[in-house]
Amino acid sequence: APTKSYIRGNHKCKLALIGLPDVVYDKEWDMIMIDAPKGYYPEAPGRMGAIYSAAVMARNRKKSGVTHVFLHDVDRKVEKAFAEEFLCRKNLKDATGRLWH
């Protein structure tokens, strides 16, 4: 069986956001909004780590229900590719302009 992905303390994964406060990792979120870091112009750092980390947090939910993930400014090729890979295209509920759910 594949190893379950995790974020907190995952120094091996360059996409894992490991410097967040403990409350972020401990809480089971009903909704995650990805709107940072800046990704709306070509030289911006992009949201690859945030997309990956949100996907792992949503998949690792233990309580009943689902975690809805919203991604803003998904107009760059790299953000679209990461969203489709880690959030999975089949999970896309709706898209309005540059906002995906």
C-alpha atoms as a PDB file:
ATOM      1  CA  ALA A   1       0.000   0.000   0.000  1.00  0.00           C
ATOM      2  CA  PRO A   2       1.275   3.500  -0.763  1.00  0.00           C
ATOM      3  CA  THR A   3       2.441   5.639   2.126  1.00  0.00           C
ATOM      4  CA  LYS A   4      -0.111   8.211   3.245  1.00  0.00           C
ATOM      5  CA  SER A   5       0.955  11.776   2.469  1.00  0.00           C
ATOM      6  CA  TYR A   6       1.399  14.240   5.310  1.00  0.00           C
ATOM      7  CA  ILE A   7       2.343  17.897   5.677  1.00  0.00           C
ATOM      8  CA  ARG A   8       3.515  18.664   9.222  1.00  0.00           C
ATOM      9  CA  GLY A   9       7.236  17.952   9.522  1.00  0.00           C
ATOM     10  CA  ASN A  10       7.520  16.568   5.986  1.00  0.00           C
ATOM     11  CA  HIS A  11      10.947  17.997   5.176  1.00  0.00           C
ATOM     12  CA  LYS A  12      11.432  15.536   2.300  1.00  0.00           C
ATOM     13  CA  CYS A  13       8.591  17.009   0.240  1.00  0.00           C
ATOM     14  CA  LYS A  14       9.428  20.426  -1.203  1.00  0.00           C
ATOM     15  CA  LEU A  15       5.723  21.122  -1.773  1.00  0.00           C
ATOM     16  CA  ALA A  16       4.637  20.534   1.839  1.00  0.00           C
ATOM     17  CA  LEU A  17       3.962  23.767   3.726  1.00  0.00           C
ATOM     18  CA  ILE A  18       5.779  22.869   6.942  1.00  0.00           C
ATOM     19  CA  GLY A  19       6.019  26.277   8.625  1.00  0.00           C
ATOM     20  CA  LEU A  20       2.361  26.800   9.478  1.00  0.00           C
ATOM     21  CA  PRO A  21       1.002  27.069  13.052  1.00  0.00           C
ATOM     22  CA  ASP A  22      -0.018  23.735  14.635  1.00  0.00           C
ATOM     23  CA  VAL A  23      -3.710  24.725  14.598  1.00  0.00           C
ATOM     24  CA  VAL A  24      -3.647  24.617  10.786  1.00  0.00           C
ATOM     25  CA  TYR A  25      -2.520  20.977  10.796  1.00  0.00           C
ATOM     26  CA  ASP A  26      -4.690  19.894  13.753  1.00  0.00           C
ATOM     27  CA  LYS A  27      -8.009  21.271  12.495  1.00  0.00           C
ATOM     28  CA  GLU A  28     -10.181  19.370  10.051  1.00  0.00           C
ATOM     29  CA  TRP A  29     -11.327  22.065   7.676  1.00  0.00           C
ATOM     30  CA  ASP A  30     -14.751  22.198   6.020  1.00  0.00           C
ATOM     31  CA  MET A  31     -13.391  24.648   3.454  1.00  0.00           C
ATOM     32  CA  ILE A  32      -9.927  25.708   2.306  1.00  0.00           C
ATOM     33  CA  MET A  33      -9.454  28.824   0.163  1.00  0.00           C
ATOM     34  CA  ILE A  34      -6.183  29.018  -1.770  1.00  0.00           C
ATOM     35  CA  ASP A  35      -5.502  32.640  -2.648  1.00  0.00           C
ATOM     36  CA  ALA A  36      -1.810  33.026  -1.842  1.00  0.00           C
ATOM     37  CA  PRO A  37       1.016  33.413  -2.513  1.00  0.00           C
ATOM     38  CA  LYS A  38       0.636  35.691  -5.486  1.00  0.00           C
ATOM     39  CA  GLY A  39       0.144  33.856  -8.731  1.00  0.00           C
ATOM     40  CA  TYR A  40      -1.584  36.303 -11.013  1.00  0.00           C
ATOM     41  CA  TYR A  41       1.454  37.457 -13.004  1.00  0.00           C
ATOM     42  CA  PRO A  42       4.168  35.400 -14.726  1.00  0.00           C
ATOM     43  CA  GLU A  43       7.016  36.145 -12.280  1.00  0.00           C
ATOM     44  CA  ALA A  44       4.934  35.383  -9.159  1.00  0.00           C
ATOM     45  CA  PRO A  45       5.953  32.390  -7.008  1.00  0.00           C
ATOM     46  CA  GLY A  46       2.661  30.587  -7.582  1.00  0.00           C
ATOM     47  CA  ARG A  47       0.519  28.343  -5.425  1.00  0.00           C
ATOM     48  CA  MET A  48       1.995  24.908  -6.015  1.00  0.00           C
ATOM     49  CA  GLY A  49       2.824  24.248  -2.339  1.00  0.00           C
ATOM     50  CA  ALA A  50      -0.547  25.587  -1.191  1.00  0.00           C
ATOM     51  CA  ILE A  51      -2.389  23.405  -3.731  1.00  0.00           C
ATOM     52  CA  TYR A  52      -0.496  20.268  -2.700  1.00  0.00           C
ATOM     53  CA  SER A  53      -0.872  20.964   1.032  1.00  0.00           C
ATOM     54  CA  ALA A  54      -4.607  21.705   0.753  1.00  0.00           C
ATOM     55  CA  ALA A  55      -5.115  18.476  -1.198  1.00  0.00           C
ATOM     56  CA  VAL A  56      -3.304  16.424   1.449  1.00  0.00           C
ATOM     57  CA  MET A  57      -5.245  18.085   4.295  1.00  0.00           C
ATOM     58  CA  ALA A  58      -8.556  17.470   2.500  1.00  0.00           C
ATOM     59  CA  ARG A  59      -7.748  13.805   1.762  1.00  0.00           C
ATOM     60  CA  ASN A  60      -6.537  13.123   5.304  1.00  0.00           C
ATOM     61  CA  ARG A  61      -9.847  14.244   6.850  1.00  0.00           C
ATOM     62  CA  LYS A  62     -10.962  11.705   9.464  1.00  0.00           C
ATOM     63  CA  LYS A  63     -14.380  13.107  10.420  1.00  0.00           C
ATOM     64  CA  SER A  64     -17.465  12.617   8.294  1.00  0.00           C
ATOM     65  CA  GLY A  65     -18.133  15.096   5.533  1.00  0.00           C
ATOM     66  CA  VAL A  66     -15.850  16.589   2.934  1.00  0.00           C
ATOM     67  CA  THR A  67     -13.391  19.446   2.739  1.00  0.00           C
ATOM     68  CA  HIS A  68     -14.248  21.858  -0.071  1.00  0.00           C
ATOM     69  CA  VAL A  69     -11.184  23.417  -1.709  1.00  0.00           C
ATOM     70  CA  PHE A  70     -11.450  26.696  -3.610  1.00  0.00           C
ATOM     71  CA  LEU A  71      -8.575  27.867  -5.808  1.00  0.00           C
ATOM     72  CA  HIS A  72      -8.413  31.483  -6.970  1.00  0.00           C
ATOM     73  CA  ASP A  73      -6.432  32.833  -9.939  1.00  0.00           C
ATOM     74  CA  VAL A  74      -6.149  29.507 -11.691  1.00  0.00           C
ATOM     75  CA  ASP A  75      -5.243  31.082 -15.021  1.00  0.00           C
ATOM     76  CA  ARG A  76      -1.566  30.071 -15.184  1.00  0.00           C
ATOM     77  CA  LYS A  77      -0.599  26.762 -16.765  1.00  0.00           C
ATOM     78  CA  VAL A  78       1.416  25.598 -13.726  1.00  0.00           C
ATOM     79  CA  GLU A  79      -1.447  26.216 -11.253  1.00  0.00           C
ATOM     80  CA  LYS A  80      -3.872  24.374 -13.538  1.00  0.00           C
ATOM     81  CA  ALA A  81      -1.499  21.417 -13.844  1.00  0.00           C
ATOM     82  CA  PHE A  82      -0.949  21.172 -10.077  1.00  0.00           C
ATOM     83  CA  ALA A  83      -4.677  21.567  -9.380  1.00  0.00           C
ATOM     84  CA  GLU A  84      -5.537  18.812 -11.833  1.00  0.00           C
ATOM     85  CA  GLU A  85      -2.821  16.533 -10.425  1.00  0.00           C
ATOM     86  CA  PHE A  86      -3.321  17.008  -6.679  1.00  0.00           C
ATOM     87  CA  LEU A  87      -6.943  18.167  -6.365  1.00  0.00           C
ATOM     88  CA  CYS A  88      -7.941  15.888  -9.279  1.00  0.00           C
ATOM     89  CA  ARG A  89      -9.967  17.088 -12.241  1.00  0.00           C
ATOM     90  CA  LYS A  90     -12.756  14.613 -11.371  1.00  0.00           C
ATOM     91  CA  ASN A  91     -13.323  16.516  -8.093  1.00  0.00           C
ATOM     92  CA  LEU A  92     -13.860  19.868  -9.832  1.00  0.00           C
ATOM     93  CA  LYS A  93     -17.403  20.932  -8.917  1.00  0.00           C
ATOM     94  CA  ASP A  94     -17.586  24.280 -10.698  1.00  0.00           C
ATOM     95  CA  ALA A  95     -15.455  26.986 -12.261  1.00  0.00           C
ATOM     96  CA  THR A  96     -16.352  30.651 -12.560  1.00  0.00           C
ATOM     97  CA  GLY A  97     -13.775  32.891 -14.165  1.00  0.00           C
ATOM     98  CA  ARG A  98     -10.501  32.238 -12.345  1.00  0.00           C
ATOM     99  CA  LEU A  99     -12.117  30.489  -9.340  1.00  0.00           C
ATOM    100  CA  TRP A 100     -12.304  26.687  -9.151  1.00  0.00           C
ATOM    101  CA  HIS A 101     -14.229  24.628  -6.602  1.00  0.00           C
END
